[in-house]
C-alpha atoms as a PDB file:
ATOM      1  CA  UNK A   1      -0.147  -0.124   0.116  1.00  0.00           C
ATOM      2  CA  UNK A   2       2.942   2.546   0.834  1.00  0.00           C
ATOM      3  CA  UNK A   3       4.693   1.759  -2.222  1.00  0.00           C
ATOM      4  CA  UNK A   4       1.814   2.075  -4.467  1.00  0.00           C
ATOM      5  CA  UNK A   5       0.939   5.723  -2.457  1.00  0.00           C
ATOM      6  CA  UNK A   6       4.535   6.815  -3.155  1.00  0.00           C
ATOM      7  CA  UNK A   7       4.356   5.781  -6.911  1.00  0.00           C
ATOM      8  CA  UNK A   8       1.140   7.546  -7.112  1.00  0.00           C
ATOM      9  CA  UNK A   9       2.817  10.589  -5.419  1.00  0.00           C
ATOM     10  CA  UNK A  10       5.468  10.280  -8.234  1.00  0.00           C
ATOM     11  CA  UNK A  11       3.196  10.086 -11.217  1.00  0.00           C
ATOM     12  CA  UNK A  12       1.209  13.097  -9.646  1.00  0.00           C
ATOM     13  CA  UNK A  13       4.990  15.196 -10.190  1.00  0.00           C
ATOM     14  CA  UNK A  14       5.720  13.594 -13.385  1.00  0.00           C
ATOM     15  CA  UNK A  15       2.255  14.477 -14.465  1.00  0.00           C
ATOM     16  CA  UNK A  16       2.384  18.032 -13.891  1.00  0.00           C
ATOM     17  CA  UNK A  17       6.281  17.881 -15.548  1.00  0.00           C
ATOM     18  CA  UNK A  18       5.146  16.173 -18.974  1.00  0.00           C
ATOM     19  CA  UNK A  19       1.970  17.756 -19.513  1.00  0.00           C
ATOM     20  CA  UNK A  20       3.053  21.650 -18.502  1.00  0.00           C
ATOM     21  CA  UNK A  21       4.398  22.037 -21.931  1.00  0.00           C
ATOM     22  CA  UNK A  22       1.052  20.855 -23.524  1.00  0.00           C
ATOM     23  CA  UNK A  23      -1.456  22.974 -21.782  1.00  0.00           C
ATOM     24  CA  UNK A  24       1.141  25.813 -22.865  1.00  0.00           C
ATOM     25  CA  UNK A  25       1.120  24.589 -26.460  1.00  0.00           C
ATOM     26  CA  UNK A  26      -2.727  24.101 -26.210  1.00  0.00           C
ATOM     27  CA  UNK A  27      -3.406  27.906 -25.108  1.00  0.00           C
ATOM     28  CA  UNK A  28      -0.796  29.492 -27.963  1.00  0.00           C
ATOM     29  CA  UNK A  29      -2.654  27.417 -30.547  1.00  0.00           C
ATOM     30  CA  UNK A  30      -6.030  28.481 -29.179  1.00  0.00           C
ATOM     31  CA  UNK A  31      -5.225  31.777 -29.298  1.00  0.00           C
ATOM     32  CA  UNK A  32      -3.757  31.604 -32.742  1.00  0.00           C
ATOM     33  CA  UNK A  33      -7.167  30.157 -34.108  1.00  0.00           C
ATOM     34  CA  UNK A  34      -8.898  32.791 -32.486  1.00  0.00           C
ATOM     35  CA  UNK A  35      -6.743  35.284 -34.246  1.00  0.00           C
ATOM     36  CA  UNK A  36      -7.862  33.036 -37.519  1.00  0.00           C
ATOM     37  CA  UNK A  37      -4.083  31.931 -37.770  1.00  0.00           C
ATOM     38  CA  UNK A  38      -2.315  28.663 -38.079  1.00  0.00           C
ATOM     39  CA  UNK A  39      -0.089  28.865 -35.154  1.00  0.00           C
ATOM     40  CA  UNK A  40       3.005  26.461 -34.354  1.00  0.00           C
ATOM     41  CA  UNK A  41       0.908  23.193 -33.266  1.00  0.00           C
ATOM     42  CA  UNK A  42       0.332  22.231 -29.708  1.00  0.00           C
ATOM     43  CA  UNK A  43       3.534  20.133 -29.371  1.00  0.00           C
ATOM     44  CA  UNK A  44       5.908  23.292 -30.288  1.00  0.00           C
ATOM     45  CA  UNK A  45       6.837  23.668 -26.682  1.00  0.00           C
ATOM     46  CA  UNK A  46       8.345  20.385 -26.153  1.00  0.00           C
ATOM     47  CA  UNK A  47      10.445  20.949 -29.699  1.00  0.00           C
ATOM     48  CA  UNK A  48      11.326  24.531 -28.302  1.00  0.00           C
ATOM     49  CA  UNK A  49      12.376  22.573 -24.694  1.00  0.00           C
ATOM     50  CA  UNK A  50      14.343  20.256 -27.076  1.00  0.00           C
ATOM     51  CA  UNK A  51      16.409  22.798 -28.868  1.00  0.00           C
ATOM     52  CA  UNK A  52      17.399  24.790 -26.118  1.00  0.00           C
ATOM     53  CA  UNK A  53      18.712  21.815 -23.730  1.00  0.00           C
ATOM     54  CA  UNK A  54      20.947  21.260 -26.747  1.00  0.00           C
ATOM     55  CA  UNK A  55      22.422  24.752 -27.269  1.00  0.00           C
ATOM     56  CA  UNK A  56      24.972  26.219 -25.492  1.00  0.00           C
ATOM     57  CA  UNK A  57      25.037  28.551 -22.498  1.00  0.00           C
ATOM     58  CA  UNK A  58      26.127  32.023 -23.220  1.00  0.00           C
ATOM     59  CA  UNK A  59      26.488  33.522 -19.688  1.00  0.00           C
ATOM     60  CA  UNK A  60      27.008  37.482 -18.837  1.00  0.00           C
ATOM     61  CA  UNK A  61      29.849  38.655 -17.506  1.00  0.00           C
ATOM     62  CA  UNK A  62      28.123  40.461 -14.515  1.00  0.00           C
ATOM     63  CA  UNK A  63      26.542  37.392 -13.581  1.00  0.00           C
ATOM     64  CA  UNK A  64      26.836  35.742  -9.794  1.00  0.00           C
ATOM     65  CA  UNK A  65      25.859  32.376  -8.093  1.00  0.00           C
ATOM     66  CA  UNK A  66      22.231  33.803  -8.332  1.00  0.00           C
ATOM     67  CA  UNK A  67      22.162  33.600 -12.439  1.00  0.00           C
ATOM     68  CA  UNK A  68      22.892  30.014 -12.233  1.00  0.00           C
ATOM     69  CA  UNK A  69      20.852  29.105  -9.092  1.00  0.00           C
ATOM     70  CA  UNK A  70      17.613  30.467  -9.815  1.00  0.00           C
ATOM     71  CA  UNK A  71      16.252  28.425 -12.649  1.00  0.00           C
ATOM     72  CA  UNK A  72      16.901  25.369 -10.820  1.00  0.00           C
ATOM     73  CA  UNK A  73      15.371  26.309  -7.398  1.00  0.00           C
ATOM     74  CA  UNK A  74      12.407  27.927  -9.561  1.00  0.00           C
ATOM     75  CA  UNK A  75      12.468  24.395 -11.111  1.00  0.00           C
ATOM     76  CA  UNK A  76      12.531  22.160  -8.085  1.00  0.00           C
ATOM     77  CA  UNK A  77      10.021  24.433  -6.331  1.00  0.00           C
ATOM     78  CA  UNK A  78       7.533  23.641  -9.085  1.00  0.00           C
ATOM     79  CA  UNK A  79       8.413  19.823  -8.659  1.00  0.00           C
ATOM     80  CA  UNK A  80       7.319  20.296  -4.765  1.00  0.00           C
ATOM     81  CA  UNK A  81       4.017  21.784  -5.153  1.00  0.00           C
ATOM     82  CA  UNK A  82       2.425  18.879  -6.877  1.00  0.00           C
ATOM     83  CA  UNK A  83       3.009  16.777  -3.951  1.00  0.00           C
ATOM     84  CA  UNK A  84       0.723  18.941  -1.239  1.00  0.00           C
ATOM     85  CA  UNK A  85      -2.258  19.418  -3.784  1.00  0.00           C
ATOM     86  CA  UNK A  86      -4.820  17.190  -5.502  1.00  0.00           C
ATOM     87  CA  UNK A  87      -3.187  16.340  -8.917  1.00  0.00           C
ATOM     88  CA  UNK A  88      -4.849  13.336  -9.781  1.00  0.00           C
ATOM     89  CA  UNK A  89      -6.390  11.533  -6.447  1.00  0.00           C
ATOM     90  CA  UNK A  90      -8.747  12.793  -3.739  1.00  0.00           C
ATOM     91  CA  UNK A  91      -7.075  11.652  -1.033  1.00  0.00           C
ATOM     92  CA  UNK A  92      -3.618  12.763   0.732  1.00  0.00           C
ATOM     93  CA  UNK A  93      -0.504  10.944  -0.545  1.00  0.00           C
ATOM     94  CA  UNK A  94       2.357  10.190   1.892  1.00  0.00           C
ATOM     95  CA  UNK A  95       4.235  13.525   1.761  1.00  0.00           C
ATOM     96  CA  UNK A  96       1.188  15.683   1.141  1.00  0.00           C
ATOM     97  CA  UNK A  97       1.294  16.552   4.956  1.00  0.00           C
ATOM     98  CA  UNK A  98       4.647  18.181   4.470  1.00  0.00           C
ATOM     99  CA  UNK A  99       2.428  21.746   3.905  1.00  0.00           C
ATOM    100  CA  UNK A 100      -1.251  23.306   3.584  1.00  0.00           C
ATOM    101  CA  UNK A 101      -2.505  25.449   1.098  1.00  0.00           C
ATOM    102  CA  UNK A 102      -0.777  28.496   2.216  1.00  0.00           C
ATOM    103  CA  UNK A 103       2.443  26.530   2.051  1.00  0.00           C
ATOM    104  CA  UNK A 104       2.018  25.212  -1.444  1.00  0.00           C
ATOM    105  CA  UNK A 105       1.717  29.170  -2.283  1.00  0.00           C
ATOM    106  CA  UNK A 106       4.433  30.014  -0.557  1.00  0.00           C
ATOM    107  CA  UNK A 107       6.569  27.574  -2.679  1.00  0.00           C
ATOM    108  CA  UNK A 108       5.064  28.815  -5.741  1.00  0.00           C
ATOM    109  CA  UNK A 109       6.112  32.510  -5.069  1.00  0.00           C
ATOM    110  CA  UNK A 110       9.468  31.459  -3.994  1.00  0.00           C
ATOM    111  CA  UNK A 111       9.779  30.259  -7.659  1.00  0.00           C
ATOM    112  CA  UNK A 112       8.787  33.471  -9.115  1.00  0.00           C
ATOM    113  CA  UNK A 113      11.031  35.550  -6.712  1.00  0.00           C
ATOM    114  CA  UNK A 114      14.100  33.685  -7.639  1.00  0.00           C
ATOM    115  CA  UNK A 115      13.567  34.499 -11.105  1.00  0.00           C
ATOM    116  CA  UNK A 116      12.883  38.269 -10.226  1.00  0.00           C
ATOM    117  CA  UNK A 117      16.522  38.329  -8.704  1.00  0.00           C
ATOM    118  CA  UNK A 118      17.861  36.272 -11.819  1.00  0.00           C
ATOM    119  CA  UNK A 119      16.494  39.614 -13.774  1.00  0.00           C
ATOM    120  CA  UNK A 120      18.181  41.968 -11.469  1.00  0.00           C
ATOM    121  CA  UNK A 121      21.267  40.109 -11.113  1.00  0.00           C
ATOM    122  CA  UNK A 122      22.023  39.601 -14.925  1.00  0.00           C
ATOM    123  CA  UNK A 123      22.812  43.582 -14.860  1.00  0.00           C
ATOM    124  CA  UNK A 124      20.678  44.022 -17.913  1.00  0.00           C
ATOM    125  CA  UNK A 125      18.598  46.795 -18.567  1.00  0.00           C
ATOM    126  CA  UNK A 126      15.470  45.193 -19.640  1.00  0.00           C
ATOM    127  CA  UNK A 127      16.013  42.346 -16.856  1.00  0.00           C
ATOM    128  CA  UNK A 128      15.484  45.292 -14.727  1.00  0.00           C
ATOM    129  CA  UNK A 129      12.686  46.344 -16.278  1.00  0.00           C
ATOM    130  CA  UNK A 130      11.174  42.919 -16.235  1.00  0.00           C
ATOM    131  CA  UNK A 131      11.612  42.355 -12.744  1.00  0.00           C
ATOM    132  CA  UNK A 132      10.283  45.873 -11.562  1.00  0.00           C
ATOM    133  CA  UNK A 133       7.026  45.084 -13.403  1.00  0.00           C
ATOM    134  CA  UNK A 134       6.917  41.724 -11.924  1.00  0.00           C
ATOM    135  CA  UNK A 135       7.246  43.200  -8.355  1.00  0.00           C
ATOM    136  CA  UNK A 136       4.853  45.860  -8.890  1.00  0.00           C
ATOM    137  CA  UNK A 137       2.504  43.464 -10.173  1.00  0.00           C
ATOM    138  CA  UNK A 138       3.149  41.074  -7.459  1.00  0.00           C
ATOM    139  CA  UNK A 139       2.179  43.917  -4.428  1.00  0.00           C
ATOM    140  CA  UNK A 140      -1.195  43.628  -5.320  1.00  0.00           C
ATOM    141  CA  UNK A 141      -1.374  39.935  -6.972  1.00  0.00           C
ATOM    142  CA  UNK A 142       0.347  38.271  -3.519  1.00  0.00           C
ATOM    143  CA  UNK A 143      -1.729  39.407  -1.106  1.00  0.00           C
ATOM    144  CA  UNK A 144      -4.682  38.968  -2.871  1.00  0.00           C
ATOM    145  CA  UNK A 145      -3.764  35.386  -3.380  1.00  0.00           C
ATOM    146  CA  UNK A 146      -2.949  35.027   0.256  1.00  0.00           C
ATOM    147  CA  UNK A 147      -6.621  36.233   0.852  1.00  0.00           C
ATOM    148  CA  UNK A 148      -8.262  34.192  -1.637  1.00  0.00           C
ATOM    149  CA  UNK A 149      -6.384  31.016   0.211  1.00  0.00           C
ATOM    150  CA  UNK A 150      -7.719  32.424   3.285  1.00  0.00           C
ATOM    151  CA  UNK A 151     -11.381  32.701   2.140  1.00  0.00           C
ATOM    152  CA  UNK A 152     -10.744  28.863   0.800  1.00  0.00           C
ATOM    153  CA  UNK A 153      -9.805  27.743   4.128  1.00  0.00           C
ATOM    154  CA  UNK A 154     -12.586  29.703   5.904  1.00  0.00           C
ATOM    155  CA  UNK A 155     -15.014  28.254   3.440  1.00  0.00           C
ATOM    156  CA  UNK A 156     -13.980  24.657   4.189  1.00  0.00           C
ATOM    157  CA  UNK A 157     -12.594  24.842   7.755  1.00  0.00           C
ATOM    158  CA  UNK A 158      -9.624  23.503   6.787  1.00  0.00           C
ATOM    159  CA  UNK A 159      -6.209  24.800   5.331  1.00  0.00           C
ATOM    160  CA  UNK A 160      -5.815  21.242   3.181  1.00  0.00           C
ATOM    161  CA  UNK A 161      -7.236  21.439  -0.250  1.00  0.00           C
ATOM    162  CA  UNK A 162      -8.391  17.566  -0.561  1.00  0.00           C
ATOM    163  CA  UNK A 163     -11.071  18.624   2.247  1.00  0.00           C
ATOM    164  CA  UNK A 164     -12.076  21.973   0.257  1.00  0.00           C
ATOM    165  CA  UNK A 165     -12.321  19.306  -2.786  1.00  0.00           C
ATOM    166  CA  UNK A 166     -14.654  16.659  -0.877  1.00  0.00           C
ATOM    167  CA  UNK A 167     -16.751  19.668   0.491  1.00  0.00           C
ATOM    168  CA  UNK A 168     -17.679  20.883  -2.780  1.00  0.00           C
ATOM    169  CA  UNK A 169     -18.418  17.492  -4.325  1.00  0.00           C
ATOM    170  CA  UNK A 170     -20.767  16.560  -1.339  1.00  0.00           C
ATOM    171  CA  UNK A 171     -22.001  20.096  -0.988  1.00  0.00           C
ATOM    172  CA  UNK A 172     -23.676  21.895  -4.160  1.00  0.00           C
ATOM    173  CA  UNK A 173     -25.019  24.485  -1.706  1.00  0.00           C
ATOM    174  CA  UNK A 174     -21.262  24.967  -0.635  1.00  0.00           C
ATOM    175  CA  UNK A 175     -20.216  25.019  -4.470  1.00  0.00           C
ATOM    176  CA  UNK A 176     -23.311  27.713  -5.487  1.00  0.00           C
ATOM    177  CA  UNK A 177     -22.633  30.034  -2.530  1.00  0.00           C
ATOM    178  CA  UNK A 178     -21.809  33.583  -3.026  1.00  0.00           C
ATOM    179  CA  UNK A 179     -18.485  33.119  -1.204  1.00  0.00           C
ATOM    180  CA  UNK A 180     -17.460  30.351  -3.451  1.00  0.00           C
ATOM    181  CA  UNK A 181     -18.246  32.166  -6.389  1.00  0.00           C
ATOM    182  CA  UNK A 182     -15.909  35.335  -5.375  1.00  0.00           C
ATOM    183  CA  UNK A 183     -13.480  32.807  -4.733  1.00  0.00           C
ATOM    184  CA  UNK A 184     -13.767  31.444  -8.248  1.00  0.00           C
ATOM    185  CA  UNK A 185     -13.869  35.004  -9.819  1.00  0.00           C
ATOM    186  CA  UNK A 186     -11.200  36.175  -7.636  1.00  0.00           C
ATOM    187  CA  UNK A 187      -8.562  33.344  -8.493  1.00  0.00           C
ATOM    188  CA  UNK A 188     -10.070  33.488 -12.151  1.00  0.00           C
ATOM    189  CA  UNK A 189      -8.422  37.053 -12.458  1.00  0.00           C
ATOM    190  CA  UNK A 190      -5.132  36.138 -10.175  1.00  0.00           C
ATOM    191  CA  UNK A 191      -4.665  33.340 -12.816  1.00  0.00           C
ATOM    192  CA  UNK A 192      -4.690  35.717 -15.919  1.00  0.00           C
ATOM    193  CA  UNK A 193      -1.765  37.671 -13.934  1.00  0.00           C
ATOM    194  CA  UNK A 194       0.152  35.190 -12.633  1.00  0.00           C
ATOM    195  CA  UNK A 195       0.178  33.065 -15.782  1.00  0.00           C
ATOM    196  CA  UNK A 196       1.357  36.317 -17.788  1.00  0.00           C
ATOM    197  CA  UNK A 197      -1.917  36.811 -19.626  1.00  0.00           C
ATOM    198  CA  UNK A 198      -3.468  40.509 -18.301  1.00  0.00           C
ATOM    199  CA  UNK A 199      -3.999  42.491 -21.505  1.00  0.00           C
ATOM    200  CA  UNK A 200      -1.044  44.560 -20.733  1.00  0.00           C
ATOM    201  CA  UNK A 201       1.192  41.543 -20.980  1.00  0.00           C
ATOM    202  CA  UNK A 202       2.812  40.440 -23.922  1.00  0.00           C
ATOM    203  CA  UNK A 203       4.850  37.435 -24.867  1.00  0.00           C
ATOM    204  CA  UNK A 204       7.027  39.264 -27.589  1.00  0.00           C
ATOM    205  CA  UNK A 205      10.480  40.925 -27.190  1.00  0.00           C
ATOM    206  CA  UNK A 206       9.041  44.397 -27.497  1.00  0.00           C
ATOM    207  CA  UNK A 207      10.260  46.481 -24.775  1.00  0.00           C
ATOM    208  CA  UNK A 208       7.294  48.382 -23.787  1.00  0.00           C
ATOM    209  CA  UNK A 209       5.099  45.168 -22.965  1.00  0.00           C
ATOM    210  CA  UNK A 210       8.172  43.042 -21.630  1.00  0.00           C
ATOM    211  CA  UNK A 211       7.457  41.447 -17.868  1.00  0.00           C
ATOM    212  CA  UNK A 212       8.108  37.748 -18.008  1.00  0.00           C
ATOM    213  CA  UNK A 213      10.077  37.368 -21.184  1.00  0.00           C
ATOM    214  CA  UNK A 214      12.548  40.456 -19.812  1.00  0.00           C
ATOM    215  CA  UNK A 215      13.359  38.514 -16.617  1.00  0.00           C
ATOM    216  CA  UNK A 216      14.563  35.644 -18.479  1.00  0.00           C
ATOM    217  CA  UNK A 217      16.021  37.641 -21.495  1.00  0.00           C
ATOM    218  CA  UNK A 218      19.700  36.908 -20.577  1.00  0.00           C
ATOM    219  CA  UNK A 219      19.455  33.070 -20.131  1.00  0.00           C
ATOM    220  CA  UNK A 220      20.329  30.770 -23.091  1.00  0.00           C
ATOM    221  CA  UNK A 221      20.622  27.088 -23.745  1.00  0.00           C
ATOM    222  CA  UNK A 222      19.682  24.874 -20.448  1.00  0.00           C
ATOM    223  CA  UNK A 223      19.247  27.409 -18.110  1.00  0.00           C
ATOM    224  CA  UNK A 224      16.580  29.242 -20.304  1.00  0.00           C
ATOM    225  CA  UNK A 225      14.854  25.682 -20.657  1.00  0.00           C
ATOM    226  CA  UNK A 226      14.534  25.393 -17.237  1.00  0.00           C
ATOM    227  CA  UNK A 227      13.250  28.683 -16.660  1.00  0.00           C
ATOM    228  CA  UNK A 228      10.894  28.338 -19.387  1.00  0.00           C
ATOM    229  CA  UNK A 229       9.844  24.761 -18.409  1.00  0.00           C
ATOM    230  CA  UNK A 230       9.213  26.136 -14.501  1.00  0.00           C
ATOM    231  CA  UNK A 231       7.174  28.874 -15.835  1.00  0.00           C
ATOM    232  CA  UNK A 232       4.646  26.097 -17.685  1.00  0.00           C
ATOM    233  CA  UNK A 233       4.361  23.927 -14.856  1.00  0.00           C
ATOM    234  CA  UNK A 234       3.739  27.323 -12.907  1.00  0.00           C
ATOM    235  CA  UNK A 235       0.927  27.514 -14.803  1.00  0.00           C
ATOM    236  CA  UNK A 236      -0.335  23.768 -15.147  1.00  0.00           C
ATOM    237  CA  UNK A 237      -0.007  23.873 -11.126  1.00  0.00           C
ATOM    238  CA  UNK A 238      -2.538  27.057 -11.083  1.00  0.00           C
ATOM    239  CA  UNK A 239      -4.961  25.491 -13.432  1.00  0.00           C
ATOM    240  CA  UNK A 240      -4.812  22.261 -11.689  1.00  0.00           C
ATOM    241  CA  UNK A 241      -5.490  24.024  -8.200  1.00  0.00           C
ATOM    242  CA  UNK A 242      -8.546  26.321  -9.893  1.00  0.00           C
ATOM    243  CA  UNK A 243     -10.075  22.913 -11.575  1.00  0.00           C
ATOM    244  CA  UNK A 244      -9.559  20.290  -8.906  1.00  0.00           C
ATOM    245  CA  UNK A 245      -9.862  22.449  -5.567  1.00  0.00           C
ATOM    246  CA  UNK A 246     -12.065  25.525  -6.796  1.00  0.00           C
ATOM    247  CA  UNK A 247     -14.338  25.154 -10.057  1.00  0.00           C
ATOM    248  CA  UNK A 248     -14.312  21.557 -11.431  1.00  0.00           C
ATOM    249  CA  UNK A 249     -13.451  19.454  -8.198  1.00  0.00           C
ATOM    250  CA  UNK A 250     -14.433  16.271  -9.751  1.00  0.00           C
ATOM    251  CA  UNK A 251     -13.155  13.140 -11.541  1.00  0.00           C
ATOM    252  CA  UNK A 252     -10.371  12.604  -9.085  1.00  0.00           C
ATOM    253  CA  UNK A 253      -9.487   9.145  -8.500  1.00  0.00           C
ATOM    254  CA  UNK A 254     -10.730   7.942  -5.236  1.00  0.00           C
ATOM    255  CA  UNK A 255      -9.213   4.469  -5.160  1.00  0.00           C
ATOM    256  CA  UNK A 256      -5.456   5.003  -6.664  1.00  0.00           C
ATOM    257  CA  UNK A 257      -6.270   2.242  -9.056  1.00  0.00           C
ATOM    258  CA  UNK A 258      -4.372   1.949 -12.670  1.00  0.00           C
ATOM    259  CA  UNK A 259      -7.655   3.148 -14.733  1.00  0.00           C
ATOM    260  CA  UNK A 260      -8.639   5.363 -12.201  1.00  0.00           C
ATOM    261  CA  UNK A 261      -5.576   7.542 -12.311  1.00  0.00           C
ATOM    262  CA  UNK A 262      -5.328   7.225 -16.503  1.00  0.00           C
ATOM    263  CA  UNK A 263      -8.880   8.426 -16.059  1.00  0.00           C
ATOM    264  CA  UNK A 264      -7.769  11.417 -13.566  1.00  0.00           C
ATOM    265  CA  UNK A 265      -5.010  12.634 -15.941  1.00  0.00           C
ATOM    266  CA  UNK A 266      -7.519  12.563 -18.822  1.00  0.00           C
ATOM    267  CA  UNK A 267     -10.204  14.101 -16.881  1.00  0.00           C
ATOM    268  CA  UNK A 268      -7.270  16.963 -15.642  1.00  0.00           C
ATOM    269  CA  UNK A 269      -6.146  17.661 -19.139  1.00  0.00           C
ATOM    270  CA  UNK A 270      -9.651  18.440 -20.413  1.00  0.00           C
ATOM    271  CA  UNK A 271     -10.322  20.511 -17.273  1.00  0.00           C
ATOM    272  CA  UNK A 272      -7.198  22.669 -17.688  1.00  0.00           C
ATOM    273  CA  UNK A 273      -7.705  22.836 -21.585  1.00  0.00           C
ATOM    274  CA  UNK A 274     -11.096  24.013 -20.885  1.00  0.00           C
ATOM    275  CA  UNK A 275     -10.344  26.635 -18.487  1.00  0.00           C
ATOM    276  CA  UNK A 276      -7.368  27.783 -21.070  1.00  0.00           C
ATOM    277  CA  UNK A 277      -9.813  28.128 -23.745  1.00  0.00           C
ATOM    278  CA  UNK A 278     -11.843  30.815 -21.669  1.00  0.00           C
ATOM    279  CA  UNK A 279      -8.499  32.427 -20.624  1.00  0.00           C
ATOM    280  CA  UNK A 280      -7.252  32.432 -24.075  1.00  0.00           C
ATOM    281  CA  UNK A 281     -10.856  33.845 -25.412  1.00  0.00           C
ATOM    282  CA  UNK A 282     -10.867  36.270 -22.582  1.00  0.00           C
ATOM    283  CA  UNK A 283      -7.406  37.450 -23.331  1.00  0.00           C
ATOM    284  CA  UNK A 284      -7.760  37.910 -26.942  1.00  0.00           C
ATOM    285  CA  UNK A 285     -11.332  39.571 -26.779  1.00  0.00           C
ATOM    286  CA  UNK A 286      -9.743  42.435 -24.115  1.00  0.00           C
ATOM    287  CA  UNK A 287      -7.819  45.380 -25.872  1.00  0.00           C
ATOM    288  CA  UNK A 288      -4.383  45.967 -24.464  1.00  0.00           C
ATOM    289  CA  UNK A 289      -4.528  48.519 -21.657  1.00  0.00           C
ATOM    290  CA  UNK A 290      -1.610  50.867 -20.573  1.00  0.00           C
ATOM    291  CA  UNK A 291       0.723  49.661 -18.152  1.00  0.00           C
ATOM    292  CA  UNK A 292      -0.470  51.767 -15.423  1.00  0.00           C
ATOM    293  CA  UNK A 293      -4.005  50.193 -15.256  1.00  0.00           C
ATOM    294  CA  UNK A 294      -2.412  47.213 -14.493  1.00  0.00           C
ATOM    295  CA  UNK A 295      -3.724  47.771 -10.653  1.00  0.00           C
ATOM    296  CA  UNK A 296      -7.776  47.831 -11.969  1.00  0.00           C
ATOM    297  CA  UNK A 297      -8.062  43.877 -12.699  1.00  0.00           C
ATOM    298  CA  UNK A 298      -5.752  43.020  -9.133  1.00  0.00           C
ATOM    299  CA  UNK A 299      -7.590  45.808  -6.981  1.00  0.00           C
ATOM    300  CA  UNK A 300     -10.904  43.620  -8.751  1.00  0.00           C
ATOM    301  CA  UNK A 301      -9.662  40.437  -7.482  1.00  0.00           C
ATOM    302  CA  UNK A 302      -8.866  41.821  -4.087  1.00  0.00           C
ATOM    303  CA  UNK A 303     -12.429  43.247  -3.625  1.00  0.00           C
ATOM    304  CA  UNK A 304     -13.863  39.984  -4.785  1.00  0.00           C
ATOM    305  CA  UNK A 305     -11.565  37.810  -2.062  1.00  0.00           C
ATOM    306  CA  UNK A 306     -12.660  40.252   0.593  1.00  0.00           C
ATOM    307  CA  UNK A 307     -16.367  39.829  -0.601  1.00  0.00           C
ATOM    308  CA  UNK A 308     -15.593  36.120  -0.368  1.00  0.00           C
ATOM    309  CA  UNK A 309     -14.386  36.249   3.384  1.00  0.00           C
ATOM    310  CA  UNK A 310     -17.559  38.819   4.138  1.00  0.00           C
ATOM    311  CA  UNK A 311     -19.938  36.463   2.457  1.00  0.00           C
ATOM    312  CA  UNK A 312     -18.603  33.269   4.400  1.00  0.00           C
ATOM    313  CA  UNK A 313     -18.828  34.850   7.435  1.00  0.00           C
ATOM    314  CA  UNK A 314     -22.406  36.176   6.938  1.00  0.00           C
ATOM    315  CA  UNK A 315     -23.898  32.787   5.994  1.00  0.00           C
END
């Protein structure tokens, strides 16, 4: 029994590791199709990672040990979070008790923080711009994320995501309650922010738009591959939390059998692809905003998280 649960835990980590590029490819392809373009194909992120791992490293002269350590730390942090959250099973596995939902949020933030440091450490003007903009967004995004996690905790009277999953599956009244609806809306806005999908962002190398790209602009070769892969994993993890804990808590394996885990994997990919379709549609439909208006959607998310906490206390 213990060996099987350890294997299940390893399977959860491998699921996030291997499917994260596929989700990125699905989202990019969906955006291209919405814009009536052909698109590179859903497997392009795998090809990009393969090429980067086989390219030579070019390191800035001003780089310190932070430059070398940041992609590795970020990648390791993203491998840790799937141990703590319901990815394929609706019950805790052996190492799931290492942390709760706030601990998972802290590890996610750590991964982003070291990439911010790397952008500053390179000494590049673009890296500094990207890091400073990321911090400006984080000033509102991170407190709101904590408030959302607090709202989830108050809703389920527990800080374990598995308990939240069971509560929403068992009680539709809680699922359709105002507190839960507010939390879903608040987390969806955060999803746009944390995955670089706000209408002020751009994945191109145009200086006026660069945020995520600017922080890793000085990286190349395998280090750039690790940084990009960890970013894709962070996106997949946030989608997994949004789907399996908040909006679509069904479809997880309750027995840990091979057919159940296989079905849960397909269900997770389908749920993430569905949310990705909505995200791509929202991002494409919105007009680009001036950067100084970044606080508007984040302030709305913050307000929704507060309303969720208030609604939970008034019920």
